[in-house]
Amino acid sequence: MYKLIFIFIIISAFNLSLYAQTQVSGSQSGTWEFDDSPFIVVDDIIVDENEELTIEPGVEVLFEDSYELRVEGHLAAVGEEDNTILFSIVEEDITWKGIRFFEADDECSITYCVLEYAKPTGDYNDVDSRGGAVYAEDCDDLIINNNIFRFNESPGQGGAATFYHCS
């Protein structure tokens, strides 16, 4: 009997770990680890000035609605060639507003990531309409390479990415 209960507990714990997810919103810093993935974005996310958010390879960041990941501090989303980071949506028929850098720290990085189904809102000339998956303004030394951009749109400029006053 005790063996049966022990086996049931082990199987239950294993099944719970398969369905682990972490809901996130508001100010974020620290490390989003693979073991806590997927990260379900339930409201806008901000990486504040002088803060850093690191996202580990293999993490899935899934947006529940039209929210953004705004970076005013430092973002390091660095996947691996065979273990990318996914930025996407929870379900069909919704979009998210993309990753938006505003005067962010030098050398923020989006590398080996898949960014899909982003569509910012706003009128054509409004800053909120620019850049599908990535928008950056007044940023230096952004590292954005080896990524896949797919199914992104923008009512303004740049379906995949738009950069203003960046070097």
Foldseek 3Di string as FASTA:
>chain_A
DVVVVVVVVVVVVVVCQVVAEAEDAEEDADEDDQSRDAYEYPAAYEDDAPGEYEYEFQYEDAYAAAYEYEYQEAYAQEYDQVGAYEYYHPDPPHAYQAYEYENYAAAHEHARYEYARFAFDDAAPDPRQDAFHYEYEQYEHYHYDHYHYPHAQGNYDHRHYDYYNYD
